[in-house]
Full PDB file with SEQRES, HELIX, SHEET, SSBOND, CRYST1, ORIGX, SCALE, CONECT and MASTER records, all heavy atoms in Angstrom:
SEQRES   1 A   41  TYR LEU ASP SER ASN LYS ILE THR THR PRO LEU PRO ASN          
SEQRES   2 A   41  CYS LEU ALA ASN PHE CYS PHE MET ALA ARG LYS ASP ASN          
SEQRES   3 A   41  VAL ASP LEU GLY GLY VAL ALA PRO SER GLN TYR ARG SER          
SEQRES   4 A   41  LYS MET                                                      
HELIX    1 AA1 LEU A   15  ASN A   17  5                                   3    
HELIX    2 AA2 ARG A   23  LEU A   29  1                                   7    
HELIX    3 AA3 PRO A   34  TYR A   37  1                                   4    
HELIX    4 AA4 ARG A   38  LYS A   40  5                                   3    
CRYST1    1.000    1.000    1.000  90.00  90.00  90.00 P 1           1          
ORIGX1      1.000000  0.000000  0.000000        0.00000                         
ORIGX2      0.000000  1.000000  0.000000        0.00000                         
ORIGX3      0.000000  0.000000  1.000000        0.00000                         
SCALE1      1.000000  0.000000  0.000000        0.00000                         
SCALE2      0.000000  1.000000  0.000000        0.00000                         
SCALE3      0.000000  0.000000  1.000000        0.00000                         
ATOM      1  N   TYR A   1     112.554  92.303  95.342  1.00  0.00           N  
ATOM      2  CA  TYR A   1     112.683  93.534  94.544  1.00  0.00           C  
ATOM      3  C   TYR A   1     114.068  93.697  94.002  1.00  0.00           C  
ATOM      4  O   TYR A   1     114.199  93.950  92.760  1.00  0.00           O  
ATOM      5  CB  TYR A   1     112.361  94.679  95.397  1.00  0.00           C  
ATOM      6  CG  TYR A   1     112.770  96.044  94.775  1.00  0.00           C  
ATOM      7  CD1 TYR A   1     111.960  96.536  93.900  1.00  0.00           C  
ATOM      8  CD2 TYR A   1     113.795  96.799  95.211  1.00  0.00           C  
ATOM      9  CE1 TYR A   1     112.157  97.791  93.225  1.00  0.00           C  
ATOM     10  CE2 TYR A   1     114.197  97.973  94.520  1.00  0.00           C  
ATOM     11  CZ  TYR A   1     113.378  98.498  93.624  1.00  0.00           C  
ATOM     12  OH  TYR A   1     113.722  99.643  93.014  1.00  0.00           O  
ATOM     13  N   LEU A   2     115.009  93.355  94.798  1.00  0.00           N  
ATOM     14  CA  LEU A   2     116.464  93.577  94.287  1.00  0.00           C  
ATOM     15  C   LEU A   2     116.790  92.564  93.255  1.00  0.00           C  
ATOM     16  O   LEU A   2     117.431  92.968  92.179  1.00  0.00           O  
ATOM     17  CB  LEU A   2     117.479  93.449  95.465  1.00  0.00           C  
ATOM     18  CG  LEU A   2     117.421  94.478  96.552  1.00  0.00           C  
ATOM     19  CD1 LEU A   2     118.355  94.185  97.687  1.00  0.00           C  
ATOM     20  CD2 LEU A   2     117.769  95.871  95.867  1.00  0.00           C  
ATOM     21  N   ASP A   3     116.379  91.375  93.475  1.00  0.00           N  
ATOM     22  CA  ASP A   3     116.615  90.360  92.398  1.00  0.00           C  
ATOM     23  C   ASP A   3     115.866  90.622  91.132  1.00  0.00           C  
ATOM     24  O   ASP A   3     116.367  90.535  89.989  1.00  0.00           O  
ATOM     25  CB  ASP A   3     116.044  88.999  92.955  1.00  0.00           C  
ATOM     26  CG  ASP A   3     117.027  88.386  93.999  1.00  0.00           C  
ATOM     27  OD1 ASP A   3     118.030  88.939  94.341  1.00  0.00           O  
ATOM     28  OD2 ASP A   3     116.535  87.403  94.782  1.00  0.00           O  
ATOM     29  N   SER A   4     114.571  91.064  91.186  1.00  0.00           N  
ATOM     30  CA  SER A   4     113.860  91.364  90.073  1.00  0.00           C  
ATOM     31  C   SER A   4     114.444  92.501  89.243  1.00  0.00           C  
ATOM     32  O   SER A   4     114.176  92.633  88.009  1.00  0.00           O  
ATOM     33  CB  SER A   4     112.333  91.645  90.226  1.00  0.00           C  
ATOM     34  OG  SER A   4     112.176  92.760  91.007  1.00  0.00           O  
ATOM     35  N   ASN A   5     115.078  93.346  89.789  1.00  0.00           N  
ATOM     36  CA  ASN A   5     115.822  94.515  89.277  1.00  0.00           C  
ATOM     37  C   ASN A   5     117.230  94.289  88.947  1.00  0.00           C  
ATOM     38  O   ASN A   5     117.904  95.348  88.629  1.00  0.00           O  
ATOM     39  CB  ASN A   5     115.448  95.857  89.975  1.00  0.00           C  
ATOM     40  CG  ASN A   5     114.041  96.240  89.992  1.00  0.00           C  
ATOM     41  OD1 ASN A   5     113.683  96.850  88.906  1.00  0.00           O  
ATOM     42  ND2 ASN A   5     113.222  95.973  90.980  1.00  0.00           N  
ATOM     43  N   LYS A   6     117.676  93.081  89.135  1.00  0.00           N  
ATOM     44  CA  LYS A   6     119.017  92.690  89.020  1.00  0.00           C  
ATOM     45  C   LYS A   6     120.078  93.653  89.705  1.00  0.00           C  
ATOM     46  O   LYS A   6     121.187  94.040  89.216  1.00  0.00           O  
ATOM     47  CB  LYS A   6     119.377  92.723  87.505  1.00  0.00           C  
ATOM     48  CG  LYS A   6     118.478  91.585  86.693  1.00  0.00           C  
ATOM     49  CD  LYS A   6     118.917  91.536  85.299  1.00  0.00           C  
ATOM     50  CE  LYS A   6     118.170  90.543  84.598  1.00  0.00           C  
ATOM     51  NZ  LYS A   6     116.933  89.980  85.048  1.00  0.00           N  
ATOM     52  N   ILE A   7     119.707  94.111  90.916  1.00  0.00           N  
ATOM     53  CA  ILE A   7     120.561  94.870  91.722  1.00  0.00           C  
ATOM     54  C   ILE A   7     121.332  93.977  92.698  1.00  0.00           C  
ATOM     55  O   ILE A   7     120.753  93.289  93.498  1.00  0.00           O  
ATOM     56  CB  ILE A   7     119.779  95.927  92.671  1.00  0.00           C  
ATOM     57  CG1 ILE A   7     118.954  96.876  91.660  1.00  0.00           C  
ATOM     58  CG2 ILE A   7     120.553  96.605  93.623  1.00  0.00           C  
ATOM     59  CD1 ILE A   7     117.897  97.700  92.443  1.00  0.00           C  
ATOM     60  N   THR A   8     122.770  94.008  92.551  1.00  0.00           N  
ATOM     61  CA  THR A   8     123.521  93.049  93.306  1.00  0.00           C  
ATOM     62  C   THR A   8     124.524  93.713  94.261  1.00  0.00           C  
ATOM     63  O   THR A   8     125.102  93.017  95.044  1.00  0.00           O  
ATOM     64  CB  THR A   8     124.212  92.034  92.337  1.00  0.00           C  
ATOM     65  OG1 THR A   8     124.987  92.879  91.451  1.00  0.00           O  
ATOM     66  CG2 THR A   8     123.244  91.226  91.557  1.00  0.00           C  
ATOM     67  N   THR A   9     124.763  95.086  94.058  1.00  0.00           N  
ATOM     68  CA  THR A   9     125.620  95.761  94.915  1.00  0.00           C  
ATOM     69  C   THR A   9     125.003  97.047  95.470  1.00  0.00           C  
ATOM     70  O   THR A   9     124.173  97.641  94.691  1.00  0.00           O  
ATOM     71  CB  THR A   9     126.973  96.150  94.113  1.00  0.00           C  
ATOM     72  OG1 THR A   9     126.620  96.947  92.981  1.00  0.00           O  
ATOM     73  CG2 THR A   9     127.691  94.954  93.641  1.00  0.00           C  
ATOM     74  N   PRO A  10     125.228  97.308  96.667  1.00  0.00           N  
ATOM     75  CA  PRO A  10     125.874  96.497  97.735  1.00  0.00           C  
ATOM     76  C   PRO A  10     125.053  95.182  97.851  1.00  0.00           C  
ATOM     77  O   PRO A  10     123.890  95.168  97.493  1.00  0.00           O  
ATOM     78  CB  PRO A  10     125.875  97.320  98.968  1.00  0.00           C  
ATOM     79  CG  PRO A  10     125.610  98.767  98.490  1.00  0.00           C  
ATOM     80  CD  PRO A  10     124.843  98.643  97.197  1.00  0.00           C  
ATOM     81  N   LEU A  11     125.744  94.178  98.476  1.00  0.00           N  
ATOM     82  CA  LEU A  11     125.030  92.934  98.663  1.00  0.00           C  
ATOM     83  C   LEU A  11     123.833  93.061  99.392  1.00  0.00           C  
ATOM     84  O   LEU A  11     123.664  93.826 100.441  1.00  0.00           O  
ATOM     85  CB  LEU A  11     126.097  91.969  99.539  1.00  0.00           C  
ATOM     86  CG  LEU A  11     127.282  91.566  98.737  1.00  0.00           C  
ATOM     87  CD1 LEU A  11     128.088  90.808  99.613  1.00  0.00           C  
ATOM     88  CD2 LEU A  11     126.906  90.793  97.538  1.00  0.00           C  
ATOM     89  N   PRO A  12     122.687  92.397  98.939  1.00  0.00           N  
ATOM     90  CA  PRO A  12     121.397  92.446  99.634  1.00  0.00           C  
ATOM     91  C   PRO A  12     121.393  92.199 101.231  1.00  0.00           C  
ATOM     92  O   PRO A  12     120.570  92.625 101.771  1.00  0.00           O  
ATOM     93  CB  PRO A  12     120.560  91.461  98.905  1.00  0.00           C  
ATOM     94  CG  PRO A  12     121.240  91.368  97.512  1.00  0.00           C  
ATOM     95  CD  PRO A  12     122.590  91.589  97.805  1.00  0.00           C  
ATOM     96  N   ASN A  13     122.281  91.297 101.560  1.00  0.00           N  
ATOM     97  CA  ASN A  13     122.360  90.850 102.906  1.00  0.00           C  
ATOM     98  C   ASN A  13     123.342  91.795 103.691  1.00  0.00           C  
ATOM     99  O   ASN A  13     123.747  91.399 104.843  1.00  0.00           O  
ATOM    100  CB  ASN A  13     122.722  89.391 103.038  1.00  0.00           C  
ATOM    101  CG  ASN A  13     121.668  88.640 102.571  1.00  0.00           C  
ATOM    102  OD1 ASN A  13     120.505  88.920 102.718  1.00  0.00           O  
ATOM    103  ND2 ASN A  13     122.021  87.393 102.201  1.00  0.00           N  
ATOM    104  N   CYS A  14     123.706  92.979 103.236  1.00  0.00           N  
ATOM    105  CA  CYS A  14     124.668  93.851 104.058  1.00  0.00           C  
ATOM    106  C   CYS A  14     123.868  94.314 105.220  1.00  0.00           C  
ATOM    107  O   CYS A  14     122.535  94.455 105.149  1.00  0.00           O  
ATOM    108  CB  CYS A  14     125.136  94.955 103.247  1.00  0.00           C  
ATOM    109  SG  CYS A  14     123.942  96.241 102.653  1.00  0.00           S  
ATOM    110  N   LEU A  15     124.482  94.729 106.371  1.00  0.00           N  
ATOM    111  CA  LEU A  15     123.904  95.078 107.547  1.00  0.00           C  
ATOM    112  C   LEU A  15     122.908  96.336 107.428  1.00  0.00           C  
ATOM    113  O   LEU A  15     121.882  96.448 107.935  1.00  0.00           O  
ATOM    114  CB  LEU A  15     124.901  95.501 108.625  1.00  0.00           C  
ATOM    115  CG  LEU A  15     124.470  95.950 109.999  1.00  0.00           C  
ATOM    116  CD1 LEU A  15     123.557  94.833 110.718  1.00  0.00           C  
ATOM    117  CD2 LEU A  15     125.703  96.294 110.855  1.00  0.00           C  
ATOM    118  N   ALA A  16     123.372  97.205 106.424  1.00  0.00           N  
ATOM    119  CA  ALA A  16     122.550  98.438 106.298  1.00  0.00           C  
ATOM    120  C   ALA A  16     121.216  98.116 105.599  1.00  0.00           C  
ATOM    121  O   ALA A  16     120.260  99.021 105.732  1.00  0.00           O  
ATOM    122  CB  ALA A  16     123.291  99.387 105.396  1.00  0.00           C  
ATOM    123  N   ASN A  17     120.975  96.920 105.151  1.00  0.00           N  
ATOM    124  CA  ASN A  17     119.774  96.596 104.520  1.00  0.00           C  
ATOM    125  C   ASN A  17     118.846  95.691 105.469  1.00  0.00           C  
ATOM    126  O   ASN A  17     117.781  95.306 105.086  1.00  0.00           O  
ATOM    127  CB  ASN A  17     119.901  95.823 103.295  1.00  0.00           C  
ATOM    128  CG  ASN A  17     118.720  95.802 102.435  1.00  0.00           C  
ATOM    129  OD1 ASN A  17     117.798  96.645 102.488  1.00  0.00           O  
ATOM    130  ND2 ASN A  17     118.482  94.677 101.588  1.00  0.00           N  
ATOM    131  N   PHE A  18     119.098  95.701 106.736  1.00  0.00           N  
ATOM    132  CA  PHE A  18     118.377  94.964 107.687  1.00  0.00           C  
ATOM    133  C   PHE A  18     117.681  95.842 108.712  1.00  0.00           C  
ATOM    134  O   PHE A  18     118.242  96.864 109.073  1.00  0.00           O  
ATOM    135  CB  PHE A  18     119.187  93.880 108.438  1.00  0.00           C  
ATOM    136  CG  PHE A  18     119.359  92.662 107.615  1.00  0.00           C  
ATOM    137  CD1 PHE A  18     120.573  92.367 106.884  1.00  0.00           C  
ATOM    138  CD2 PHE A  18     118.358  91.673 107.592  1.00  0.00           C  
ATOM    139  CE1 PHE A  18     120.685  91.187 106.162  1.00  0.00           C  
ATOM    140  CE2 PHE A  18     118.617  90.445 106.761  1.00  0.00           C  
ATOM    141  CZ  PHE A  18     119.770  90.332 106.052  1.00  0.00           C  
ATOM    142  N   CYS A  19     116.518  95.353 109.163  1.00  0.00           N  
ATOM    143  CA  CYS A  19     115.883  96.128 110.378  1.00  0.00           C  
ATOM    144  C   CYS A  19     115.150  94.974 111.134  1.00  0.00           C  
ATOM    145  O   CYS A  19     114.936  93.801 110.672  1.00  0.00           O  
ATOM    146  CB  CYS A  19     114.859  97.120 109.792  1.00  0.00           C  
ATOM    147  SG  CYS A  19     113.413  96.435 108.917  1.00  0.00           S  
ATOM    148  N   PHE A  20     114.719  95.484 112.371  1.00  0.00           N  
ATOM    149  CA  PHE A  20     113.795  94.530 113.079  1.00  0.00           C  
ATOM    150  C   PHE A  20     112.438  94.901 112.730  1.00  0.00           C  
ATOM    151  O   PHE A  20     112.087  95.939 112.645  1.00  0.00           O  
ATOM    152  CB  PHE A  20     114.074  94.821 114.518  1.00  0.00           C  
ATOM    153  CG  PHE A  20     115.373  94.609 115.152  1.00  0.00           C  
ATOM    154  CD1 PHE A  20     116.291  95.600 115.463  1.00  0.00           C  
ATOM    155  CD2 PHE A  20     115.731  93.162 115.324  1.00  0.00           C  
ATOM    156  CE1 PHE A  20     117.523  95.207 115.960  1.00  0.00           C  
ATOM    157  CE2 PHE A  20     116.874  92.833 115.961  1.00  0.00           C  
ATOM    158  CZ  PHE A  20     117.902  93.869 116.201  1.00  0.00           C  
ATOM    159  N   MET A  21     111.703  93.791 112.466  1.00  0.00           N  
ATOM    160  CA  MET A  21     110.305  94.043 111.935  1.00  0.00           C  
ATOM    161  C   MET A  21     109.549  92.644 112.291  1.00  0.00           C  
ATOM    162  O   MET A  21     110.148  91.580 112.019  1.00  0.00           O  
ATOM    163  CB  MET A  21     110.207  94.345 110.468  1.00  0.00           C  
ATOM    164  CG  MET A  21     108.820  94.546 110.043  1.00  0.00           C  
ATOM    165  SD  MET A  21     108.709  94.851 108.235  1.00  0.00           S  
ATOM    166  CE  MET A  21     110.066  95.618 107.719  1.00  0.00           C  
ATOM    167  N   ALA A  22     108.373  92.819 112.782  1.00  0.00           N  
ATOM    168  CA  ALA A  22     107.562  91.572 112.955  1.00  0.00           C  
ATOM    169  C   ALA A  22     107.375  90.818 111.658  1.00  0.00           C  
ATOM    170  O   ALA A  22     107.133  91.459 110.539  1.00  0.00           O  
ATOM    171  CB  ALA A  22     106.218  91.939 113.607  1.00  0.00           C  
ATOM    172  N   ARG A  23     107.394  89.594 111.697  1.00  0.00           N  
ATOM    173  CA  ARG A  23     107.247  88.743 110.502  1.00  0.00           C  
ATOM    174  C   ARG A  23     105.879  89.110 109.804  1.00  0.00           C  
ATOM    175  O   ARG A  23     105.755  89.151 108.480  1.00  0.00           O  
ATOM    176  CB  ARG A  23     107.180  87.352 110.787  1.00  0.00           C  
ATOM    177  CG  ARG A  23     107.240  86.363 109.587  1.00  0.00           C  
ATOM    178  CD  ARG A  23     107.314  84.906 110.018  1.00  0.00           C  
ATOM    179  NE  ARG A  23     108.316  84.756 110.981  1.00  0.00           N  
ATOM    180  CZ  ARG A  23     108.518  83.748 111.708  1.00  0.00           C  
ATOM    181  NH1 ARG A  23     107.576  82.828 111.778  1.00  0.00           N  
ATOM    182  NH2 ARG A  23     109.413  83.563 112.644  1.00  0.00           N  
ATOM    183  N   LYS A  24     104.743  89.326 110.503  1.00  0.00           N  
ATOM    184  CA  LYS A  24     103.544  89.640 109.832  1.00  0.00           C  
ATOM    185  C   LYS A  24     103.624  90.932 109.081  1.00  0.00           C  
ATOM    186  O   LYS A  24     103.110  91.113 108.077  1.00  0.00           O  
ATOM    187  CB  LYS A  24     102.367  89.817 110.957  1.00  0.00           C  
ATOM    188  CG  LYS A  24     100.971  90.103 110.239  1.00  0.00           C  
ATOM    189  CD  LYS A  24      99.976  90.471 111.463  1.00  0.00           C  
ATOM    190  CE  LYS A  24      98.641  90.905 110.830  1.00  0.00           C  
ATOM    191  NZ  LYS A  24      98.648  91.678 109.601  1.00  0.00           N  
ATOM    192  N   ASP A  25     104.310  91.924 109.704  1.00  0.00           N  
ATOM    193  CA  ASP A  25     104.345  93.195 108.966  1.00  0.00           C  
ATOM    194  C   ASP A  25     105.276  93.085 107.757  1.00  0.00           C  
ATOM    195  O   ASP A  25     105.007  93.660 106.725  1.00  0.00           O  
ATOM    196  CB  ASP A  25     105.046  94.291 109.876  1.00  0.00           C  
ATOM    197  CG  ASP A  25     104.236  94.712 111.086  1.00  0.00           C  
ATOM    198  OD1 ASP A  25     102.985  94.589 111.021  1.00  0.00           O  
ATOM    199  OD2 ASP A  25     104.680  95.178 111.945  1.00  0.00           O  
ATOM    200  N   ASN A  26     106.241  92.193 107.837  1.00  0.00           N  
ATOM    201  CA  ASN A  26     107.154  91.997 106.627  1.00  0.00           C  
ATOM    202  C   ASN A  26     106.333  91.414 105.552  1.00  0.00           C  
ATOM    203  O   ASN A  26     106.430  91.745 104.404  1.00  0.00           O  
ATOM    204  CB  ASN A  26     108.326  91.161 106.998  1.00  0.00           C  
ATOM    205  CG  ASN A  26     109.194  91.077 105.946  1.00  0.00           C  
ATOM    206  OD1 ASN A  26     109.816  91.905 105.378  1.00  0.00           O  
ATOM    207  ND2 ASN A  26     109.498  89.781 105.686  1.00  0.00           N  
ATOM    208  N   VAL A  27     105.454  90.484 105.863  1.00  0.00           N  
ATOM    209  CA  VAL A  27     104.664  89.728 104.799  1.00  0.00           C  
ATOM    210  C   VAL A  27     103.651  90.701 104.321  1.00  0.00           C  
ATOM    211  O   VAL A  27     103.328  90.725 103.096  1.00  0.00           O  
ATOM    212  CB  VAL A  27     103.985  88.520 105.489  1.00  0.00           C  
ATOM    213  CG1 VAL A  27     102.954  88.015 104.543  1.00  0.00           C  
ATOM    214  CG2 VAL A  27     104.914  87.424 105.867  1.00  0.00           C  
ATOM    215  N   ASP A  28     102.958  91.590 105.222  1.00  0.00           N  
ATOM    216  CA  ASP A  28     102.050  92.523 104.677  1.00  0.00           C  
ATOM    217  C   ASP A  28     102.669  93.557 103.692  1.00  0.00           C  
ATOM    218  O   ASP A  28     102.004  93.909 102.743  1.00  0.00           O  
ATOM    219  CB  ASP A  28     101.449  93.361 105.817  1.00  0.00           C  
ATOM    220  CG  ASP A  28     100.472  92.476 106.747  1.00  0.00           C  
ATOM    221  OD1 ASP A  28     100.129  91.443 106.244  1.00  0.00           O  
ATOM    222  OD2 ASP A  28     100.181  92.785 107.851  1.00  0.00           O  
ATOM    223  N   LEU A  29     103.873  93.893 103.958  1.00  0.00           N  
ATOM    224  CA  LEU A  29     104.606  94.957 103.097  1.00  0.00           C  
ATOM    225  C   LEU A  29     104.975  94.348 101.756  1.00  0.00           C  
ATOM    226  O   LEU A  29     104.919  94.875 100.684  1.00  0.00           O  
ATOM    227  CB  LEU A  29     105.730  95.562 103.670  1.00  0.00           C  
ATOM    228  CG  LEU A  29     105.565  96.385 105.002  1.00  0.00           C  
ATOM    229  CD1 LEU A  29     106.823  96.815 105.471  1.00  0.00           C  
ATOM    230  CD2 LEU A  29     104.588  97.541 104.589  1.00  0.00           C  
ATOM    231  N   GLY A  30     105.327  92.968 101.740  1.00  0.00           N  
ATOM    232  CA  GLY A  30     105.510  92.299 100.550  1.00  0.00           C  
ATOM    233  C   GLY A  30     106.902  92.570  99.874  1.00  0.00           C  
ATOM    234  O   GLY A  30     107.661  93.373 100.494  1.00  0.00           O  
ATOM    235  N   GLY A  31     107.283  91.965  98.820  1.00  0.00           N  
ATOM    236  CA  GLY A  31     108.613  92.027  98.186  1.00  0.00           C  
ATOM    237  C   GLY A  31     108.599  93.072  97.190  1.00  0.00           C  
ATOM    238  O   GLY A  31     109.323  92.777  96.105  1.00  0.00           O  
ATOM    239  N   VAL A  32     108.073  94.202  97.461  1.00  0.00           N  
ATOM    240  CA  VAL A  32     108.040  95.356  96.409  1.00  0.00           C  
ATOM    241  C   VAL A  32     109.019  96.387  96.752  1.00  0.00           C  
ATOM    242  O   VAL A  32     109.592  96.429  97.943  1.00  0.00           O  
ATOM    243  CB  VAL A  32     106.575  95.850  96.273  1.00  0.00           C  
ATOM    244  CG1 VAL A  32     105.601  94.824  95.709  1.00  0.00           C  
ATOM    245  CG2 VAL A  32     106.005  96.376  97.651  1.00  0.00           C  
ATOM    246  N   ALA A  33     109.131  97.378  95.947  1.00  0.00           N  
ATOM    247  CA  ALA A  33     109.962  98.555  96.128  1.00  0.00           C  
ATOM    248  C   ALA A  33     109.509  99.257  97.339  1.00  0.00           C  
ATOM    249  O   ALA A  33     108.258  99.382  97.628  1.00  0.00           O  
ATOM    250  CB  ALA A  33     109.909  99.469  94.963  1.00  0.00           C  
ATOM    251  N   PRO A  34     110.249  99.823  98.118  1.00  0.00           N  
ATOM    252  CA  PRO A  34     109.997 100.797  99.198  1.00  0.00           C  
ATOM    253  C   PRO A  34     109.016 101.858  98.879  1.00  0.00           C  
ATOM    254  O   PRO A  34     108.125 102.133  99.676  1.00  0.00           O  
ATOM    255  CB  PRO A  34     111.354 101.313  99.738  1.00  0.00           C  
ATOM    256  CG  PRO A  34     112.333 100.308  99.355  1.00  0.00           C  
ATOM    257  CD  PRO A  34     111.910  99.779  98.021  1.00  0.00           C  
ATOM    258  N   SER A  35     109.099 102.405  97.759  1.00  0.00           N  
ATOM    259  CA  SER A  35     107.992 103.508  97.390  1.00  0.00           C  
ATOM    260  C   SER A  35     106.765 102.829  97.285  1.00  0.00           C  
ATOM    261  O   SER A  35     105.672 103.527  97.509  1.00  0.00           O  
ATOM    262  CB  SER A  35     108.512 104.201  95.950  1.00  0.00           C  
ATOM    263  OG  SER A  35     108.503 103.077  95.001  1.00  0.00           O  
ATOM    264  N   GLN A  36     106.581 101.556  97.028  1.00  0.00           N  
ATOM    265  CA  GLN A  36     105.348 100.925  96.859  1.00  0.00           C  
ATOM    266  C   GLN A  36     104.882 100.630  98.162  1.00  0.00           C  
ATOM    267  O   GLN A  36     103.672 100.691  98.541  1.00  0.00           O  
ATOM    268  CB  GLN A  36     105.397  99.712  96.073  1.00  0.00           C  
ATOM    269  CG  GLN A  36     105.532 100.072  94.515  1.00  0.00           C  
ATOM    270  CD  GLN A  36     105.580  98.790  93.616  1.00  0.00           C  
ATOM    271  OE1 GLN A  36     106.665  98.169  93.640  1.00  0.00           O  
ATOM    272  NE2 GLN A  36     104.474  98.413  93.069  1.00  0.00           N  
ATOM    273  N   TYR A  37     105.693  99.916  99.090  1.00  0.00           N  
ATOM    274  CA  TYR A  37     105.139  99.513 100.409  1.00  0.00           C  
ATOM    275  C   TYR A  37     105.045 100.737 101.384  1.00  0.00           C  
ATOM    276  O   TYR A  37     104.314 100.607 102.383  1.00  0.00           O  
ATOM    277  CB  TYR A  37     105.934  98.454 101.113  1.00  0.00           C  
ATOM    278  CG  TYR A  37     107.405  98.692 101.533  1.00  0.00           C  
ATOM    279  CD1 TYR A  37     107.670  99.689 102.575  1.00  0.00           C  
ATOM    280  CD2 TYR A  37     108.443  97.976 100.961  1.00  0.00           C  
ATOM    281  CE1 TYR A  37     108.930  99.827 103.027  1.00  0.00           C  
ATOM    282  CE2 TYR A  37     109.685  98.130 101.448  1.00  0.00           C  
ATOM    283  CZ  TYR A  37     110.044  99.083 102.506  1.00  0.00           C  
ATOM    284  OH  TYR A  37     111.274  99.184 102.936  1.00  0.00           O  
ATOM    285  N   ARG A  38     105.394 101.893 101.109  1.00  0.00           N  
ATOM    286  CA  ARG A  38     105.171 103.155 101.896  1.00  0.00           C  
ATOM    287  C   ARG A  38     103.768 103.347 102.104  1.00  0.00           C  
ATOM    288  O   ARG A  38     103.413 103.798 103.123  1.00  0.00           O  
ATOM    289  CB  ARG A  38     105.987 104.280 101.229  1.00  0.00           C  
ATOM    290  CG  ARG A  38     105.646 105.681 101.794  1.00  0.00           C  
ATOM    291  CD  ARG A  38     106.130 105.800 103.220  1.00  0.00           C  
ATOM    292  NE  ARG A  38     105.869 107.036 103.677  1.00  0.00           N  
ATOM    293  CZ  ARG A  38     104.728 107.248 104.455  1.00  0.00           C  
ATOM    294  NH1 ARG A  38     103.834 106.242 104.626  1.00  0.00           N  
ATOM    295  NH2 ARG A  38     104.556 108.467 105.067  1.00  0.00           N  
ATOM    296  N   SER A  39     102.939 103.177 101.034  1.00  0.00           N  
ATOM    297  CA  SER A  39     101.561 103.489 101.274  1.00  0.00           C  
ATOM    298  C   SER A  39     100.852 102.605 102.211  1.00  0.00           C  
ATOM    299  O   SER A  39      99.765 102.859 102.654  1.00  0.00           O  
ATOM    300  CB  SER A  39     100.790 103.319  99.841  1.00  0.00           C  
ATOM    301  OG  SER A  39     100.949 101.979  99.399  1.00  0.00           O  
ATOM    302  N   LYS A  40     101.507 101.405 102.480  1.00  0.00           N  
ATOM    303  CA  LYS A  40     100.834 100.468 103.576  1.00  0.00           C  
ATOM    304  C   LYS A  40     101.377 100.879 104.975  1.00  0.00           C  
ATOM    305  O   LYS A  40     100.959 100.248 105.860  1.00  0.00           O  
ATOM    306  CB  LYS A  40     101.297  99.215 103.214  1.00  0.00           C  
ATOM    307  CG  LYS A  40     100.794  98.713 101.935  1.00  0.00           C  
ATOM    308  CD  LYS A  40     101.294  97.281 101.645  1.00  0.00           C  
ATOM    309  CE  LYS A  40     100.826  96.865 100.181  1.00  0.00           C  
ATOM    310  NZ  LYS A  40     101.388  95.378  99.872  1.00  0.00           N  
ATOM    311  N   MET A  41     102.112 101.938 105.102  1.00  0.00           N  
ATOM    312  CA  MET A  41     102.701 102.333 106.321  1.00  0.00           C  
ATOM    313  C   MET A  41     101.831 103.525 106.915  1.00  0.00           C  
ATOM    314  O   MET A  41     101.158 104.091 106.169  1.00  0.00           O  
ATOM    315  CB  MET A  41     104.125 102.718 106.299  1.00  0.00           C  
ATOM    316  CG  MET A  41     104.949 101.475 105.862  1.00  0.00           C  
ATOM    317  SD  MET A  41     106.686 101.964 105.527  1.00  0.00           S  
ATOM    318  CE  MET A  41     107.285 102.150 107.265  1.00  0.00           C  
TER     319      MET A  41                                                      
MASTER        0    0    0    4    0    0    0    6  318    1    0    4          
END                                                                             
């Protein structure tokens, strides 16, 4: 999502952008905007 929208700051790998999540859940949510994956939660 960040790459497709050319968002580079703060860095995508900053600590504030990480969470613990099962790999399956991460795959299910996909690489879309949070507003889009919210409906899957």
